Amino acid sequence: MAETHDSDIIEHHVEEEMEKKTTSSHVFSSFLERQELSSTQSSHRLLAYSDALISIIATVMILPVAHTKVEDNEELRESVQLLLTTKIAVYLMTFLIVNVAWAAHIRLFQVIVRIDDCLALLNLACMMLITFLPYTFSLMATFPEKVLGILLFCGCVMVIGIIQAVIVVYAFSRPFLLNEQIQISENQSFYKRHILKVIMRVPIMCLFASIFSFIFFQLSYLLLTVVIFLPYISQLLKWCRSKAIGQVEESPDSMLFYTYMPSEPLSKDRVEAFSDGVYAIVATLLILDICEDNVPDPAAVDRKYGGSLIAALQAFGPEYLAYFGSFATVGLLWFVHHSLFLHVTKTTRFMGLLNTFSLAFVGGLPLAYQLTHEFPPNSRNELEAIQISCVIIFFAGIFQLAIWVVALFSEQETLHPYVRYGGREHIFMLAKLALYPSVALGTFFLTCILSKFSASIFHLMEITVPFAFLLLRLLVRVGLALLRLILYPDRSDPKIILEEEDKETRVPFSALVT
């Protein structure tokens, strides 16, 4: 009995020791976890800094285009053709390439939600190379047949891809930095391989482009163009493969991140922040030319105007008018963009692409401002400059409208109920988004017909559009009332109309199109 009692005591002590060790190990692990979490911070400020930096880089590339001088005796049409083959092409390609890098940055930090010092420094290295891309693209445009520009560009993209791969490997080695959905997943290794495979596609494409630059450099430019549309080409190839050999089963985890699907969600906050950055920079760039070119020289004021500063400034009247009109255009396009995304509940990859195209044309507004006051009144160059400005404004607005149309096809997920098809704000939102494209298109055709009054028509458009926005809701209501009176003269009683509208079922937009 004594031996049994002693053995029970020994077992009890052993159990106590094991419990103490287990408790101490839990305490130590929780202590380490607290230490790790205390050394990390939220990624919000890093993302805000990155968005601001990328938006500046994407937008300031318009400056070399806007500052290209065209002589009065030189045909603008020929000069624009020259610009389109060099500087405008460089601007558009650079804007799109930088936006590809920004979209990759969004996807990466949808997976990584917390950062530490190491990740912050790696992100800075990535930003440094992204900001260097416009210079390499300028070299490619200035010396298209030289290999060095292509090699520098491809080298930067490959190093960016390697840095992003290092960020992924580092983050997965510290799971507390990752998205909660990945932290609790049993397939973290699958996530890691899938993301690394997607990230390394672009560097591999650039590696092939750099190799082909020594053999056939035109093919290198084609491969670099493919990089911009690689997600959609990849999705098209996957669709063709599914039709040819049948649907390939994939892990459900692969449908959460890095899918390259047009419906893949993008961070709405970051899309708005990047867009706000572009609009703010474009609005600021407009004043630079006035500060630089429209401050008269004191000696010239004394000599030509007898010391009268007011008389000297009157000579710059067209420049001031162009500045205020261009600023109002940028501000109102931002207002429309703000109204649109106020009612968007989810942004997708395809909507992000359309937003990029819209922002690219918004970035061209400093060029429009520069052209509208550059030439003598009633000249052929002035007419063509105004028409170019109308085209830029039209495409900046029409891509905003396209975002809304795309959102309508999946309105249950992407739009607030008020602006869905049949919602009470639907018609008003349509009118708000269609106003600038309609006015720009109308101004373009009016200037073709009444070419002698092109400048007056254009400036009248810039002045009246802000008032049209102020009165838009009233104009929409009046227009709808007139349509009802014309189409349904027997249903003039508004109460009857409202009752019948309430009884009608609201058919989704996608079902209506089908």
Protein backbone atom coordinates (compact mmCIF):
# COMPACT_ATOMS: atom_id res chain seq x y z
CA MET A 1 0.00 0.00 0.00
CA ALA A 2 2.83 2.34 0.87
CA GLU A 3 4.50 1.68 -2.44
CA THR A 4 1.24 2.40 -4.29
CA HIS A 5 0.82 5.61 -2.33
CA ASP A 6 4.38 6.66 -3.14
CA SER A 7 3.88 5.95 -6.83
CA ASP A 8 0.70 8.03 -6.82
CA ILE A 9 2.58 10.89 -5.21
CA ILE A 10 5.36 10.62 -7.78
CA GLU A 11 2.85 10.58 -10.66
CA HIS A 12 1.10 13.59 -9.16
CA HIS A 13 4.40 15.49 -8.98
CA VAL A 14 5.23 14.51 -12.55
CA GLU A 15 1.83 15.76 -13.73
CA GLU A 16 2.36 19.01 -11.85
CA GLU A 17 5.77 19.44 -13.46
CA MET A 18 4.31 18.76 -16.91
CA GLU A 19 1.52 21.26 -16.29
CA LYS A 20 4.07 23.85 -15.16
CA LYS A 21 6.17 23.25 -18.28
CA THR A 22 3.11 23.42 -20.52
CA THR A 23 1.91 26.58 -18.81
CA SER A 24 5.35 28.16 -18.99
CA SER A 25 5.66 27.24 -22.69
CA HIS A 26 2.23 28.80 -23.38
CA VAL A 27 3.25 31.89 -21.44
CA PHE A 28 6.55 32.08 -23.30
CA SER A 29 4.88 31.61 -26.71
CA SER A 30 2.23 34.21 -25.90
CA PHE A 31 5.00 36.52 -24.71
CA LEU A 32 6.86 36.02 -28.00
CA GLU A 33 3.64 36.63 -29.93
CA ARG A 34 3.04 39.86 -28.03
CA GLN A 35 6.62 40.89 -28.72
CA GLU A 36 6.20 40.17 -32.44
CA LEU A 37 2.91 42.08 -32.62
CA SER A 38 4.37 45.00 -30.70
CA SER A 39 7.15 45.30 -33.31
CA THR A 40 4.61 45.58 -36.13
CA GLN A 41 2.20 48.30 -37.14
CA SER A 42 -0.73 48.86 -39.46
CA SER A 43 0.11 49.27 -43.13
CA HIS A 44 -2.25 52.26 -43.67
CA ARG A 45 0.38 54.98 -43.66
CA LEU A 46 2.78 52.98 -45.84
CA LEU A 47 -0.01 52.40 -48.36
CA ALA A 48 -1.01 56.09 -48.33
CA TYR A 49 2.62 57.08 -48.97
CA SER A 50 2.95 54.52 -51.78
CA ASP A 51 -0.31 55.64 -53.42
CA ALA A 52 0.74 59.30 -53.30
CA LEU A 53 4.17 58.51 -54.74
CA ILE A 54 2.84 56.38 -57.58
CA SER A 55 0.10 58.88 -58.48
CA ILE A 56 2.68 61.68 -58.72
CA ILE A 57 5.00 59.60 -60.90
CA ALA A 58 2.14 58.54 -63.16
CA THR A 59 0.92 62.12 -63.65
CA VAL A 60 4.03 64.32 -63.97
CA MET A 61 5.01 62.50 -67.15
CA ILE A 62 2.54 64.80 -68.98
CA LEU A 63 4.85 67.78 -68.37
CA PRO A 64 7.30 67.02 -71.24
CA VAL A 65 4.28 66.70 -73.56
CA ALA A 66 2.56 69.88 -72.31
CA HIS A 67 5.75 71.94 -72.54
CA THR A 68 6.46 71.07 -76.16
CA LYS A 69 6.39 74.38 -78.02
CA VAL A 70 4.66 74.65 -81.39
CA GLU A 71 5.49 77.68 -83.52
CA ASP A 72 2.69 79.81 -85.00
CA ASN A 73 3.83 79.09 -88.55
CA GLU A 74 3.93 75.34 -87.86
CA GLU A 75 0.91 73.16 -88.54
CA LEU A 76 -0.43 71.78 -85.25
CA ARG A 77 -1.74 68.66 -86.97
CA GLU A 78 1.77 67.66 -88.05
CA SER A 79 3.15 68.54 -84.60
CA VAL A 80 0.48 66.45 -82.86
CA GLN A 81 1.26 63.52 -85.14
CA LEU A 82 4.90 63.87 -84.10
CA LEU A 83 3.85 64.06 -80.43
CA LEU A 84 1.64 60.99 -80.75
CA THR A 85 4.50 58.93 -82.10
CA THR A 86 6.86 59.94 -79.29
CA LYS A 87 5.91 61.89 -76.19
CA ILE A 88 2.17 61.15 -75.95
CA ALA A 89 2.87 57.46 -76.58
CA VAL A 90 5.54 57.57 -73.87
CA TYR A 91 3.14 59.26 -71.46
CA LEU A 92 0.30 56.78 -72.03
CA MET A 93 2.55 53.71 -71.88
CA THR A 94 4.30 54.99 -68.75
CA PHE A 95 0.98 55.80 -67.08
CA LEU A 96 -0.33 52.31 -67.82
CA ILE A 97 2.90 50.54 -66.78
CA VAL A 98 3.03 52.47 -63.50
CA ASN A 99 -0.63 51.60 -62.91
CA VAL A 100 0.19 47.92 -63.49
CA ALA A 101 2.84 48.22 -60.76
CA TRP A 102 0.34 50.00 -58.51
CA ALA A 103 -2.32 47.29 -59.05
CA ALA A 104 0.28 44.64 -58.18
CA HIS A 105 1.08 46.61 -55.02
CA ILE A 106 -2.64 46.63 -54.10
CA ARG A 107 -2.95 42.87 -54.51
CA LEU A 108 0.22 42.27 -52.50
CA PHE A 109 -0.98 44.33 -49.55
CA GLN A 110 -4.42 42.78 -49.62
CA VAL A 111 -2.56 39.65 -48.52
CA ILE A 112 -0.20 41.46 -46.11
CA VAL A 113 -2.12 43.60 -43.61
CA ARG A 114 0.61 44.43 -41.07
CA ILE A 115 4.21 45.52 -41.60
CA ASP A 116 7.44 45.70 -39.66
CA ASP A 117 10.66 47.63 -40.29
CA CYS A 118 11.99 45.08 -42.75
CA LEU A 119 8.84 45.17 -44.91
CA ALA A 120 8.80 48.98 -44.82
CA LEU A 121 12.40 49.12 -46.12
CA LEU A 122 11.69 46.53 -48.82
CA ASN A 123 8.67 48.59 -49.91
CA LEU A 124 10.84 51.71 -50.12
CA ALA A 125 13.27 49.87 -52.40
CA CYS A 126 10.33 48.83 -54.56
CA MET A 127 9.01 52.43 -54.72
CA MET A 128 12.47 53.72 -55.69
CA LEU A 129 12.54 51.44 -58.74
CA ILE A 130 8.93 52.23 -59.68
CA THR A 131 9.75 55.96 -59.66
CA PHE A 132 12.71 55.24 -61.96
CA LEU A 133 10.51 53.58 -64.61
CA PRO A 134 9.44 56.84 -66.35
CA TYR A 135 13.09 57.73 -66.99
CA THR A 136 13.80 54.37 -68.58
CA PHE A 137 10.67 54.71 -70.69
CA SER A 138 11.80 58.17 -71.83
CA LEU A 139 15.08 56.66 -72.98
CA MET A 140 13.17 53.99 -74.89
CA ALA A 141 11.05 56.65 -76.63
CA THR A 142 13.95 58.96 -77.44
CA PHE A 143 16.21 56.14 -78.66
CA PRO A 144 13.76 53.41 -79.75
CA GLU A 145 16.41 51.46 -81.69
CA LYS A 146 18.93 51.45 -78.84
CA VAL A 147 19.03 48.40 -76.60
CA LEU A 148 20.06 50.23 -73.42
CA GLY A 149 16.63 51.75 -72.72
CA ILE A 150 14.89 48.37 -73.02
CA LEU A 151 17.52 46.71 -70.83
CA LEU A 152 17.18 49.36 -68.10
CA PHE A 153 13.41 49.12 -68.11
CA CYS A 154 13.37 45.31 -68.06
CA GLY A 155 16.06 45.28 -65.37
CA CYS A 156 13.98 47.56 -63.13
CA VAL A 157 10.85 45.44 -63.58
CA MET A 158 12.75 42.22 -62.86
CA VAL A 159 14.26 43.64 -59.67
CA ILE A 160 10.81 44.91 -58.59
CA GLY A 161 9.45 41.40 -59.09
CA ILE A 162 12.30 39.89 -57.07
CA ILE A 163 11.71 42.38 -54.22
CA GLN A 164 7.99 41.56 -54.20
CA ALA A 165 8.84 37.85 -54.10
CA VAL A 166 11.14 38.48 -51.12
CA ILE A 167 8.30 40.41 -49.41
CA VAL A 168 5.97 37.43 -49.92
CA VAL A 169 8.49 34.90 -48.59
CA TYR A 170 9.28 37.12 -45.60
CA ALA A 171 5.61 37.73 -44.78
CA PHE A 172 4.71 34.04 -44.97
CA SER A 173 7.56 33.25 -42.60
CA ARG A 174 5.76 35.51 -40.08
CA PRO A 175 2.07 34.60 -40.46
CA PHE A 176 0.94 37.29 -38.00
CA LEU A 177 1.64 39.82 -40.81
CA LEU A 178 -0.84 38.16 -43.16
CA ASN A 179 -4.51 38.52 -43.84
CA GLU A 180 -6.61 36.77 -41.19
CA GLN A 181 -8.18 34.57 -43.84
CA ILE A 182 -4.74 33.21 -44.75
CA GLN A 183 -3.64 32.92 -41.13
CA ILE A 184 -6.44 30.47 -40.32
CA SER A 185 -6.09 28.60 -43.62
CA GLU A 186 -4.51 25.16 -43.71
CA ASN A 187 -3.16 25.83 -47.22
CA GLN A 188 -0.65 28.59 -46.52
CA SER A 189 1.99 26.83 -48.62
CA PHE A 190 -0.46 26.74 -51.54
CA TYR A 191 -1.10 30.48 -51.15
CA LYS A 192 2.61 31.15 -51.09
CA ARG A 193 3.35 29.14 -54.26
CA HIS A 194 0.34 30.60 -56.09
CA ILE A 195 1.25 34.22 -55.28
CA LEU A 196 4.93 33.74 -56.14
CA LYS A 197 3.96 32.13 -59.46
CA VAL A 198 1.76 35.09 -60.36
CA ILE A 199 4.31 37.70 -59.26
CA MET A 200 7.14 36.16 -61.27
CA ARG A 201 5.22 36.16 -64.57
CA VAL A 202 6.02 39.79 -65.35
CA PRO A 203 9.78 39.56 -64.57
CA ILE A 204 10.00 36.45 -66.75
CA MET A 205 8.27 38.30 -69.62
CA CYS A 206 10.74 41.16 -69.20
CA LEU A 207 13.64 38.71 -69.19
CA PHE A 208 12.51 37.39 -72.58
CA ALA A 209 12.02 40.98 -73.82
CA SER A 210 15.59 41.89 -72.83
CA ILE A 211 16.94 38.80 -74.62
CA PHE A 212 14.95 39.52 -77.80
CA SER A 213 16.17 43.15 -77.77
CA PHE A 214 19.55 41.88 -79.04
CA ILE A 215 17.88 39.88 -81.83
CA PHE A 216 14.68 41.65 -82.90
CA PHE A 217 13.89 44.70 -80.75
CA GLN A 218 10.38 45.20 -82.19
CA LEU A 219 9.37 41.94 -80.53
CA SER A 220 10.66 43.33 -77.23
CA TYR A 221 8.23 46.25 -77.44
CA LEU A 222 5.41 43.81 -78.24
CA LEU A 223 6.24 41.73 -75.15
CA LEU A 224 6.28 44.88 -72.98
CA THR A 225 2.86 45.85 -74.32
CA VAL A 226 1.61 42.37 -73.42
CA VAL A 227 2.71 43.04 -69.81
CA ILE A 228 -0.02 45.72 -69.49
CA PHE A 229 -2.78 43.36 -70.57
CA LEU A 230 -1.21 40.17 -69.18
CA PRO A 231 -4.00 39.54 -66.62
CA TYR A 232 -6.68 39.58 -69.31
CA ILE A 233 -4.60 37.56 -71.78
CA SER A 234 -3.97 35.00 -69.03
CA GLN A 235 -7.68 34.79 -68.27
CA LEU A 236 -8.51 34.43 -71.99
CA LEU A 237 -6.00 31.57 -72.34
CA LYS A 238 -7.46 29.88 -69.25
CA TRP A 239 -10.96 30.17 -70.74
CA CYS A 240 -9.76 28.70 -74.07
CA ARG A 241 -8.09 25.82 -72.20
CA SER A 242 -11.29 25.10 -70.28
CA LYS A 243 -13.24 24.96 -73.55
CA ALA A 244 -10.65 22.70 -75.19
CA ILE A 245 -9.89 20.16 -72.43
CA GLY A 246 -12.58 20.88 -69.87
CA GLN A 247 -12.61 22.77 -66.61
CA VAL A 248 -9.51 22.21 -64.50
CA GLU A 249 -10.26 21.81 -60.82
CA GLU A 250 -8.55 24.36 -58.62
CA SER A 251 -8.31 24.74 -54.91
CA PRO A 252 -10.97 27.08 -53.49
CA ASP A 253 -8.16 29.12 -51.98
CA SER A 254 -6.93 30.11 -55.44
CA MET A 255 -10.17 32.02 -55.98
CA LEU A 256 -9.53 34.42 -53.11
CA PHE A 257 -6.37 36.30 -54.13
CA TYR A 258 -4.35 36.82 -57.31
CA THR A 259 -7.01 35.32 -59.56
CA TYR A 260 -6.54 37.72 -62.51
CA MET A 261 -10.33 37.58 -62.91
CA PRO A 262 -11.96 40.83 -64.11
CA SER A 263 -14.30 40.53 -61.13
CA GLU A 264 -11.42 40.16 -58.64
CA PRO A 265 -11.97 42.79 -55.92
CA LEU A 266 -9.60 45.75 -55.55
CA SER A 267 -9.32 47.90 -52.46
CA LYS A 268 -11.93 50.66 -52.93
CA ASP A 269 -10.11 52.93 -50.48
CA ARG A 270 -6.85 52.69 -52.40
CA VAL A 271 -8.54 53.24 -55.77
CA GLU A 272 -10.11 56.41 -54.37
CA ALA A 273 -6.83 57.56 -52.77
CA PHE A 274 -4.85 57.03 -55.98
CA SER A 275 -7.52 58.77 -58.08
CA ASP A 276 -7.68 61.73 -55.66
CA GLY A 277 -3.90 62.01 -55.93
CA VAL A 278 -4.01 62.20 -59.73
CA TYR A 279 -6.80 64.82 -59.73
CA ALA A 280 -4.98 66.91 -57.10
CA ILE A 281 -1.67 66.81 -58.99
CA VAL A 282 -3.30 67.69 -62.32
CA ALA A 283 -5.13 70.63 -60.72
CA THR A 284 -1.84 71.82 -59.22
CA LEU A 285 0.17 71.45 -62.42
CA LEU A 286 -2.12 73.96 -64.14
CA ILE A 287 -0.89 76.85 -61.99
CA LEU A 288 2.82 76.13 -62.61
CA ASP A 289 2.76 77.60 -66.11
CA ILE A 290 1.07 80.80 -64.90
CA CYS A 291 3.63 81.22 -62.12
CA GLU A 292 6.47 80.63 -64.57
CA ASP A 293 5.32 82.34 -67.78
CA ASN A 294 2.72 84.94 -66.78
CA VAL A 295 4.59 87.08 -64.27
CA PRO A 296 5.70 90.14 -66.28
CA ASP A 297 9.26 91.41 -66.17
CA PRO A 298 9.52 94.71 -64.21
CA ALA A 299 11.65 96.31 -66.92
CA ALA A 300 9.12 95.36 -69.61
CA VAL A 301 6.26 96.77 -67.48
CA ASP A 302 8.07 100.12 -67.18
CA ARG A 303 9.04 100.22 -70.85
CA LYS A 304 5.86 98.99 -72.57
CA TYR A 305 3.08 99.89 -70.12
CA GLY A 306 4.44 102.95 -68.38
CA GLY A 307 4.69 101.12 -65.05
CA SER A 308 1.03 100.00 -65.05
CA LEU A 309 0.90 96.42 -63.78
CA ILE A 310 -2.83 96.17 -64.54
CA ALA A 311 -2.25 96.96 -68.19
CA ALA A 312 0.59 94.42 -68.32
CA LEU A 313 -1.58 91.67 -66.80
CA GLN A 314 -4.39 92.33 -69.25
CA ALA A 315 -2.18 90.86 -71.97
CA PHE A 316 -2.38 87.51 -70.17
CA GLY A 317 -6.20 87.44 -70.14
CA PRO A 318 -6.54 84.32 -72.37
CA GLU A 319 -4.12 82.41 -70.10
CA TYR A 320 -6.16 83.25 -66.97
CA LEU A 321 -9.39 82.28 -68.70
CA ALA A 322 -7.86 78.96 -69.84
CA TYR A 323 -6.55 78.29 -66.32
CA PHE A 324 -9.87 78.85 -64.54
CA GLY A 325 -11.76 76.87 -67.19
CA SER A 326 -9.29 73.96 -66.99
CA PHE A 327 -9.34 73.97 -63.18
CA ALA A 328 -13.15 73.90 -63.19
CA THR A 329 -13.04 70.97 -65.64
CA VAL A 330 -10.61 68.99 -63.43
CA GLY A 331 -12.60 69.82 -60.30
CA LEU A 332 -15.93 68.80 -61.81
CA LEU A 333 -14.51 65.56 -63.22
CA TRP A 334 -13.29 64.81 -59.68
CA PHE A 335 -16.77 65.68 -58.38
CA VAL A 336 -18.33 63.18 -60.80
CA HIS A 337 -15.74 60.55 -59.81
CA HIS A 338 -16.45 61.21 -56.13
CA SER A 339 -20.22 60.89 -56.69
CA LEU A 340 -19.73 57.64 -58.59
CA PHE A 341 -17.52 55.96 -55.98
CA LEU A 342 -19.72 57.25 -53.19
CA HIS A 343 -22.37 54.80 -54.44
CA VAL A 344 -19.94 52.01 -55.43
CA THR A 345 -19.78 49.39 -52.69
CA LYS A 346 -17.15 47.15 -54.30
CA THR A 347 -14.51 47.82 -56.96
CA THR A 348 -13.34 45.09 -59.32
CA ARG A 349 -10.23 44.65 -61.40
CA PHE A 350 -12.02 45.60 -64.64
CA MET A 351 -13.46 48.74 -63.04
CA GLY A 352 -9.90 49.60 -61.95
CA LEU A 353 -8.70 49.28 -65.55
CA LEU A 354 -11.42 51.64 -66.81
CA ASN A 355 -10.56 54.04 -63.98
CA THR A 356 -6.92 53.95 -65.13
CA PHE A 357 -7.90 54.93 -68.68
CA SER A 358 -10.05 57.79 -67.34
CA LEU A 359 -7.19 59.05 -65.16
CA ALA A 360 -4.77 58.85 -68.10
CA PHE A 361 -6.94 61.33 -70.03
CA VAL A 362 -7.42 63.48 -66.92
CA GLY A 363 -3.63 63.64 -66.78
CA GLY A 364 -3.71 65.06 -70.32
CA LEU A 365 -5.71 68.14 -69.26
CA PRO A 366 -2.54 70.25 -68.66
CA LEU A 367 -1.78 69.64 -72.34
CA ALA A 368 -5.30 70.84 -73.21
CA TYR A 369 -4.77 73.95 -71.07
CA GLN A 370 -1.43 74.65 -72.73
CA LEU A 371 -2.86 74.33 -76.22
CA THR A 372 -6.03 76.41 -75.80
CA HIS A 373 -4.16 79.72 -75.29
CA GLU A 374 -1.02 78.99 -77.31
CA PHE A 375 -2.08 80.22 -80.75
CA PRO A 376 -3.45 83.40 -82.38
CA PRO A 377 -7.25 83.86 -82.37
CA ASN A 378 -9.26 82.38 -85.26
CA SER A 379 -6.26 80.45 -86.56
CA ARG A 380 -6.34 76.87 -87.81
CA ASN A 381 -4.06 75.82 -84.95
CA GLU A 382 -6.41 77.31 -82.35
CA LEU A 383 -9.35 75.33 -83.79
CA GLU A 384 -7.41 72.05 -83.72
CA ALA A 385 -6.13 72.76 -80.19
CA ILE A 386 -9.70 73.25 -78.95
CA GLN A 387 -10.85 70.07 -80.68
CA ILE A 388 -7.99 68.12 -79.04
CA SER A 389 -9.12 69.49 -75.67
CA CYS A 390 -12.70 68.33 -76.37
CA VAL A 391 -11.44 64.84 -77.22
CA ILE A 392 -9.42 64.64 -73.98
CA ILE A 393 -12.42 65.76 -71.87
CA PHE A 394 -14.75 63.38 -73.73
CA PHE A 395 -12.64 60.28 -73.06
CA ALA A 396 -11.97 61.28 -69.44
CA GLY A 397 -15.76 61.39 -68.92
CA ILE A 398 -16.78 58.43 -71.06
CA PHE A 399 -14.55 56.03 -69.12
CA GLN A 400 -16.20 57.20 -65.90
CA LEU A 401 -19.55 56.37 -67.46
CA ALA A 402 -18.16 52.97 -68.52
CA ILE A 403 -17.24 52.20 -64.88
CA TRP A 404 -20.86 52.73 -63.89
CA VAL A 405 -22.18 50.61 -66.77
CA VAL A 406 -19.84 47.75 -65.77
CA ALA A 407 -20.97 48.10 -62.16
CA LEU A 408 -24.61 47.82 -63.26
CA PHE A 409 -24.02 44.30 -64.62
CA SER A 410 -23.29 43.10 -61.08
CA GLU A 411 -25.26 45.81 -59.32
CA GLN A 412 -26.30 43.62 -56.39
CA GLU A 413 -22.65 43.42 -55.29
CA THR A 414 -21.13 46.66 -56.58
CA LEU A 415 -23.75 49.43 -56.30
CA HIS A 416 -25.83 51.06 -53.60
CA PRO A 417 -29.57 50.32 -54.04
CA TYR A 418 -30.34 53.99 -54.76
CA VAL A 419 -28.39 54.00 -58.05
CA ARG A 420 -29.25 50.51 -59.28
CA TYR A 421 -31.52 50.12 -62.28
CA GLY A 422 -34.89 51.37 -61.12
CA GLY A 423 -33.49 53.09 -58.03
CA ARG A 424 -34.54 56.61 -57.14
CA GLU A 425 -31.08 58.08 -57.99
CA HIS A 426 -30.48 55.99 -61.11
CA ILE A 427 -31.48 58.58 -63.71
CA PHE A 428 -29.76 61.40 -61.82
CA MET A 429 -26.48 59.45 -61.66
CA LEU A 430 -26.73 58.64 -65.37
CA ALA A 431 -27.25 62.33 -66.16
CA LYS A 432 -24.31 63.35 -63.95
CA LEU A 433 -21.95 60.86 -65.63
CA ALA A 434 -23.17 61.60 -69.16
CA LEU A 435 -23.03 65.40 -68.87
CA TYR A 436 -19.34 65.95 -69.65
CA PRO A 437 -19.07 63.43 -72.51
CA SER A 438 -22.23 64.86 -74.11
CA VAL A 439 -21.13 68.49 -73.75
CA ALA A 440 -17.59 67.75 -75.00
CA LEU A 441 -18.93 65.86 -78.01
CA GLY A 442 -21.43 68.63 -78.78
CA THR A 443 -18.72 71.28 -78.48
CA PHE A 444 -16.46 69.33 -80.84
CA PHE A 445 -19.11 69.18 -83.58
CA LEU A 446 -20.10 72.82 -83.04
CA THR A 447 -16.51 73.95 -83.50
CA CYS A 448 -16.38 71.94 -86.73
CA ILE A 449 -19.46 73.76 -88.04
CA LEU A 450 -18.81 77.23 -86.56
CA SER A 451 -15.01 77.26 -86.74
CA LYS A 452 -14.78 81.08 -86.50
CA PHE A 453 -16.37 80.99 -83.05
CA SER A 454 -14.51 77.93 -81.76
CA ALA A 455 -12.79 79.71 -78.85
CA SER A 456 -16.00 81.41 -77.74
CA ILE A 457 -17.94 78.13 -77.91
CA PHE A 458 -15.27 76.26 -75.92
CA HIS A 459 -15.02 78.89 -73.17
CA LEU A 460 -18.82 79.13 -73.01
CA MET A 461 -18.90 75.36 -72.45
CA GLU A 462 -16.36 75.64 -69.61
CA ILE A 463 -18.41 78.39 -67.95
CA THR A 464 -21.89 76.86 -68.33
CA VAL A 465 -21.09 73.27 -67.27
CA PRO A 466 -20.61 74.18 -63.55
CA PHE A 467 -24.05 75.86 -63.55
CA ALA A 468 -25.49 72.81 -65.33
CA PHE A 469 -24.21 70.64 -62.45
CA LEU A 470 -25.86 72.96 -59.93
CA LEU A 471 -29.20 72.76 -61.76
CA LEU A 472 -28.82 69.14 -62.87
CA ARG A 473 -31.34 67.60 -60.46
CA LEU A 474 -33.95 70.20 -61.47
CA LEU A 475 -33.19 69.66 -65.16
CA VAL A 476 -33.53 65.87 -64.77
CA ARG A 477 -36.91 66.23 -63.04
CA VAL A 478 -38.17 68.66 -65.70
CA GLY A 479 -36.94 66.36 -68.46
CA LEU A 480 -38.62 63.30 -66.94
CA ALA A 481 -41.87 65.24 -66.49
CA LEU A 482 -41.80 66.33 -70.15
CA LEU A 483 -41.12 62.75 -71.29
CA ARG A 484 -44.07 61.50 -69.24
CA LEU A 485 -46.34 64.18 -70.71
CA ILE A 486 -45.24 63.27 -74.24
CA LEU A 487 -45.26 59.48 -73.87
CA TYR A 488 -48.11 59.10 -71.38
CA PRO A 489 -50.48 62.07 -71.76
CA ASP A 490 -53.28 60.19 -69.95
CA ARG A 491 -51.15 59.62 -66.81
CA SER A 492 -50.56 63.23 -65.85
CA ASP A 493 -51.52 62.76 -62.20
CA PRO A 494 -48.21 62.37 -60.32
CA LYS A 495 -49.84 60.31 -57.53
CA ILE A 496 -51.06 57.73 -60.04
CA ILE A 497 -47.61 57.61 -61.63
CA LEU A 498 -45.89 57.06 -58.28
CA GLU A 499 -48.36 54.33 -57.30
CA GLU A 500 -47.84 52.51 -60.59
CA GLU A 501 -44.05 52.86 -60.31
CA ASP A 502 -44.14 51.35 -56.83
CA LYS A 503 -46.18 48.39 -58.10
CA GLU A 504 -43.74 47.69 -60.94
CA THR A 505 -41.04 45.14 -60.20
CA ARG A 506 -37.48 46.38 -60.56
CA VAL A 507 -35.76 44.22 -63.12
CA PRO A 508 -31.94 44.02 -62.66
CA PHE A 509 -29.92 45.78 -65.36
CA SER A 510 -28.11 42.58 -66.42
CA ALA A 511 -31.44 40.77 -66.85
CA LEU A 512 -32.80 43.70 -68.85
CA VAL A 513 -29.80 43.63 -71.23
CA THR A 514 -30.10 39.86 -71.61
